[in-house]
Amino acid sequence: MVWHGLHSAQLVISQRRLSFGLGTLDSILLVFLGNAIVLIPMIIQSHGGARYGIPEPVLTRTRWGVYGAIFPSWIRAVIGAGWWGIETYIMTEAAVYIRRIDP
C-alpha cells in the first residue's frame, strides 16, 4: 500500500495529468513516485513514535528542543490547513455535481 491510500486529491491530480496528454500508466507511476518521495521522510519521522509509543510532537521536542519544535509544528499546521481546504473543495464540487444530477 502506498502511503495510506489514494486520496481524492491524488485522483484529481491523476485526472489532470490525463487531460494534459499523459498516458494512464504515466499518470499512475507519477502518483506512485510522489507518494514514495513523501513516504521516506514519513517513515524516518514516525519510526521512533511507532517503536517507543511516543507521539510525533513529543518526539520532535526531544530531537529539536522546546523552541526548535515550534517551526515543525507550524509546518504541520499549515499543511493540515491546506489539505483541509483541498479536501473541502473537492467534497463541495462532488456535492454540487450530485445535486445537478438528482434534481
Foldseek 3Di string as FASTA:
>chain_A
DQPPDQDVVLVVQLVVVVVVPDDNVVSVVVSSVVSVVVVVVVCVQCVVCVVVVDDSLVVLCVVQNPVRSPVVVVVVVVVVVVVVVVVVVVVVVVVVVVVVVPD
